[in-house]
Protein backbone atom coordinates (compact mmCIF):
# COMPACT_ATOMS: atom_id res chain seq x y z
CA MET A 1 -131.38 -49.31 16.68
CA GLY A 2 -127.84 -47.97 17.03
CA ARG A 3 -126.71 -44.46 16.28
CA PRO A 4 -126.35 -43.57 12.56
CA ARG A 5 -122.79 -44.00 11.37
CA ASP A 6 -120.82 -40.76 10.88
CA HIS A 7 -119.08 -40.93 7.49
CA ARG A 8 -117.15 -37.68 7.88
CA LEU A 9 -113.47 -38.41 7.41
CA ILE A 10 -111.79 -35.08 8.09
CA ARG A 11 -112.47 -31.49 9.17
CA ILE A 12 -110.78 -28.42 7.71
CA ASP A 13 -110.51 -24.90 9.15
CA ARG A 14 -111.17 -21.72 7.24
CA ALA A 15 -108.63 -18.90 7.43
CA GLU A 16 -111.02 -16.98 9.74
CA GLY A 17 -110.83 -19.90 12.18
CA GLU A 18 -114.32 -21.13 11.35
CA ALA A 19 -114.51 -24.92 11.13
CA GLU A 20 -115.99 -26.41 7.99
CA THR A 21 -116.87 -30.03 7.34
CA PRO A 22 -116.41 -31.20 3.74
CA GLU A 23 -119.04 -33.25 1.98
CA PRO A 24 -119.20 -36.59 3.85
CA LEU A 25 -118.35 -39.76 2.01
CA ASP A 26 -120.93 -42.52 2.23
CA LEU A 27 -119.31 -45.80 1.17
CA GLY A 28 -122.69 -47.41 0.48
CA GLN A 29 -123.74 -44.55 -1.77
CA ARG A 30 -120.35 -44.59 -3.54
CA VAL A 31 -120.67 -48.32 -4.25
CA ARG A 32 -124.22 -47.86 -5.51
CA GLU A 33 -123.10 -45.00 -7.81
CA LEU A 34 -120.32 -47.14 -9.27
CA ARG A 35 -122.69 -50.07 -9.80
CA THR A 36 -125.50 -48.06 -11.40
CA ALA A 37 -123.01 -46.14 -13.58
CA ARG A 38 -122.18 -49.51 -15.13
CA GLY A 39 -125.84 -50.40 -15.55
CA TRP A 40 -125.54 -53.47 -13.31
CA THR A 41 -128.19 -54.93 -11.04
CA LEU A 42 -127.31 -55.95 -7.49
CA GLU A 43 -127.20 -59.56 -8.65
CA GLN A 44 -124.83 -58.78 -11.55
CA ALA A 45 -122.46 -56.67 -9.42
CA ALA A 46 -122.45 -59.23 -6.58
CA ARG A 47 -121.62 -62.03 -9.01
CA ARG A 48 -118.73 -60.04 -10.54
CA ALA A 49 -117.37 -59.28 -7.07
CA GLY A 50 -117.82 -62.81 -5.75
CA LEU A 51 -120.09 -61.62 -2.94
CA ALA A 52 -123.56 -62.65 -1.87
CA ARG A 53 -126.32 -60.37 -3.16
CA SER A 54 -127.48 -59.82 0.42
CA THR A 55 -123.97 -58.74 1.45
CA LEU A 56 -123.75 -56.16 -1.34
CA SER A 57 -127.22 -54.88 -0.48
CA LYS A 58 -126.21 -54.41 3.16
CA ILE A 59 -123.03 -52.55 2.12
CA GLU A 60 -125.00 -50.21 -0.15
CA ASN A 61 -127.53 -49.53 2.60
CA ASP A 62 -124.88 -48.98 5.30
CA GLN A 63 -126.12 -51.96 7.27
CA MET A 64 -122.66 -53.50 7.62
CA SER A 65 -119.00 -52.49 7.56
CA PRO A 66 -117.22 -54.69 5.00
CA THR A 67 -113.94 -56.40 5.81
CA TYR A 68 -110.88 -55.47 3.79
CA GLU A 69 -111.16 -58.77 1.91
CA ALA A 70 -114.72 -57.84 0.91
CA LEU A 71 -113.54 -54.38 -0.16
CA LYS A 72 -110.85 -55.94 -2.36
CA LYS A 73 -113.41 -58.21 -4.02
CA LEU A 74 -115.80 -55.30 -4.46
CA ALA A 75 -113.12 -53.07 -6.00
CA THR A 76 -112.04 -55.83 -8.39
CA GLY A 77 -115.62 -56.52 -9.41
CA LEU A 78 -116.31 -52.82 -10.05
CA GLY A 79 -113.02 -52.33 -11.91
CA VAL A 80 -111.54 -49.76 -9.52
CA SER A 81 -108.80 -49.71 -6.88
CA VAL A 82 -109.63 -49.93 -3.17
CA PRO A 83 -108.67 -46.24 -2.59
CA GLN A 84 -111.10 -45.24 -5.36
CA LEU A 85 -113.94 -46.76 -3.34
CA PHE A 86 -113.32 -43.98 -0.81
CA THR A 87 -113.27 -41.12 -3.33
CA PRO A 88 -116.57 -39.49 -4.35
CA MET A 89 -117.48 -39.51 -8.05
CA ARG A 90 -116.43 -36.39 -9.88
CA GLY A 91 -119.16 -33.82 -10.41
CA PRO A 92 -119.04 -30.26 -11.79
CA ARG A 93 -115.56 -28.77 -11.87
CA THR A 94 -114.65 -26.59 -8.89
CA GLY A 95 -111.92 -23.96 -9.25
CA GLY A 96 -109.51 -22.39 -6.77
CA ARG A 97 -109.20 -25.39 -4.48
CA MET A 98 -106.24 -26.51 -2.37
CA ALA A 99 -105.59 -29.09 0.33
CA VAL A 100 -102.52 -29.53 2.52
CA THR A 101 -101.92 -32.92 4.14
CA ARG A 102 -99.33 -32.89 6.92
CA THR A 103 -97.06 -35.89 7.40
CA GLY A 104 -98.97 -38.74 9.02
CA GLU A 105 -102.37 -37.02 8.67
CA GLY A 106 -103.56 -38.92 5.59
CA ALA A 107 -106.30 -41.55 5.83
CA ALA A 108 -104.70 -44.97 6.38
CA GLN A 109 -105.74 -48.02 4.35
CA ALA A 110 -103.62 -51.11 5.09
CA THR A 111 -103.46 -54.35 3.13
CA ALA A 112 -101.32 -57.48 3.39
CA THR A 113 -98.89 -56.07 0.81
CA TYR A 114 -99.21 -52.28 1.06
CA GLU A 115 -99.85 -49.58 3.66
CA HIS A 116 -101.57 -46.69 1.87
CA GLU A 117 -101.93 -43.15 3.22
CA LEU A 118 -104.56 -41.29 1.19
CA LEU A 119 -103.66 -37.63 0.64
CA ALA A 120 -105.80 -34.51 0.02
CA GLY A 121 -108.77 -36.22 1.67
CA ALA A 122 -110.50 -32.91 2.38
CA LEU A 123 -111.19 -32.40 -1.32
CA SER A 124 -114.18 -34.07 -2.94
CA ARG A 125 -114.65 -34.56 -6.70
CA LYS A 126 -110.91 -34.89 -7.33
CA ARG A 127 -109.67 -35.77 -10.81
CA MET A 128 -106.71 -37.68 -9.42
CA LEU A 129 -106.05 -39.66 -6.26
CA PRO A 130 -102.65 -39.15 -4.58
CA TYR A 131 -101.43 -41.54 -1.91
CA ARG A 132 -98.19 -42.46 -0.20
CA THR A 133 -97.53 -46.17 0.13
CA ARG A 134 -95.22 -48.32 2.23
CA VAL A 135 -94.45 -51.44 0.20
CA ARG A 136 -94.45 -54.45 2.51
CA ALA A 137 -94.48 -57.22 -0.10
CA ARG A 138 -91.16 -58.94 -0.85
CA ASP A 139 -92.36 -61.45 -3.44
CA VAL A 140 -94.90 -61.09 -6.24
CA ALA A 141 -96.40 -64.41 -5.09
CA GLU A 142 -97.82 -62.52 -2.08
CA PHE A 143 -100.43 -60.97 -4.41
CA GLU A 144 -103.59 -62.86 -5.34
CA GLY A 145 -103.19 -61.75 -8.94
CA TRP A 146 -102.61 -58.61 -10.95
CA VAL A 147 -103.83 -55.28 -9.58
CA ARG A 148 -105.69 -53.44 -12.32
CA HIS A 149 -108.23 -50.63 -12.40
CA GLU A 150 -109.49 -47.75 -14.50
CA GLY A 151 -107.35 -44.71 -15.35
CA GLU A 152 -103.65 -44.00 -15.61
CA GLU A 153 -101.11 -44.05 -12.80
CA PHE A 154 -97.89 -42.29 -11.85
CA LEU A 155 -95.41 -43.88 -9.44
CA TYR A 156 -92.42 -42.11 -7.81
CA VAL A 157 -89.95 -43.90 -5.52
CA LEU A 158 -89.37 -41.99 -2.27
CA THR A 159 -87.15 -44.42 -0.33
CA GLY A 160 -85.70 -47.89 -0.80
CA VAL A 161 -85.64 -50.03 -3.93
CA ILE A 162 -88.69 -51.53 -5.63
CA ARG A 163 -89.40 -53.87 -8.50
CA LEU A 164 -92.34 -52.94 -10.71
CA TYR A 165 -94.05 -55.91 -12.37
CA THR A 166 -96.45 -55.41 -15.28
CA GLU A 167 -98.16 -57.98 -17.45
CA LEU A 168 -96.84 -56.50 -20.73
CA TYR A 169 -93.27 -55.52 -19.81
CA ALA A 170 -90.26 -57.09 -18.14
CA PRO A 171 -89.89 -56.30 -14.39
CA VAL A 172 -88.13 -52.98 -13.71
CA GLU A 173 -85.98 -52.27 -10.64
CA MET A 174 -86.39 -48.69 -9.46
CA ARG A 175 -84.59 -46.61 -6.84
CA ARG A 176 -85.17 -43.32 -5.03
CA GLY A 177 -86.02 -40.61 -7.55
CA ASP A 178 -87.08 -43.04 -10.30
CA SER A 179 -90.64 -42.80 -11.64
CA ALA A 180 -93.04 -44.60 -13.96
CA TYR A 181 -96.25 -43.59 -15.73
CA TYR A 182 -98.49 -46.38 -17.04
CA ASP A 183 -101.95 -47.49 -18.05
CA ALA A 184 -103.54 -48.80 -14.83
CA THR A 185 -105.82 -51.20 -16.73
CA MET A 186 -102.62 -53.17 -17.40
CA GLY A 187 -101.98 -55.60 -14.55
CA HIS A 188 -99.30 -54.34 -12.17
CA ASN A 189 -97.71 -55.18 -8.80
CA VAL A 190 -94.87 -53.62 -6.79
CA ILE A 191 -92.55 -55.29 -4.27
CA SER A 192 -89.71 -53.97 -2.15
CA VAL A 193 -86.30 -55.48 -2.90
CA SER A 194 -84.43 -53.40 -0.30
CA GLN A 195 -83.84 -54.57 3.25
CA GLU A 196 -86.33 -52.05 4.59
CA ASP A 197 -89.87 -51.42 3.33
CA ALA A 198 -89.73 -49.08 0.34
CA THR A 199 -92.02 -46.03 0.17
CA ILE A 200 -93.53 -44.62 -2.99
CA LEU A 201 -95.87 -41.86 -4.07
CA TRP A 202 -98.73 -43.01 -6.28
CA VAL A 203 -101.08 -40.73 -8.22
CA THR A 204 -104.06 -42.37 -9.92
CA SER A 205 -106.32 -40.57 -12.40
CA LEU A 206 -110.03 -40.80 -11.66
CA ASP A 207 -111.34 -40.11 -15.19
């Protein structure tokens, strides 16, 4: 058998210089928690995600590393975003916490349409998920359908020009400094309409 997979994503240093490793994230355990929280069997969750039952079982038991396509299907089936698959479920509230993420130090999650950089990765049990995104898509047809997930979402344009599409409102063109706050269960997609890839800050609630 091979060596057990190390799920630790980041290390932080205490002020005294003593290294501390935050609670490791186990993707299989996270998927199982999301499934059981919904009261679904493996068969039910696999069917909703469009995956084989055996594939989902292997993911939950850390016997395989899913492709990004499988992660997208899994997230859609569970009703969450892909970044939320990598965020532990919220437990008891912890006070006095802080995390600083230097430029370029966030956890990267790339897709065909977006390049996400997950921020504040050293904190577990967050109530919101912040991430910086480079918008690569130039046409809404590049998406396989609406992106939708639990919670509310805040979007702030950092550079370039974007067009925000939602299933209940007319498309909105937004420039640097513009922002939007919306119900994330409403289908939504973002494309860049500037010559260069636009960049945005997204904050998604995890309640």
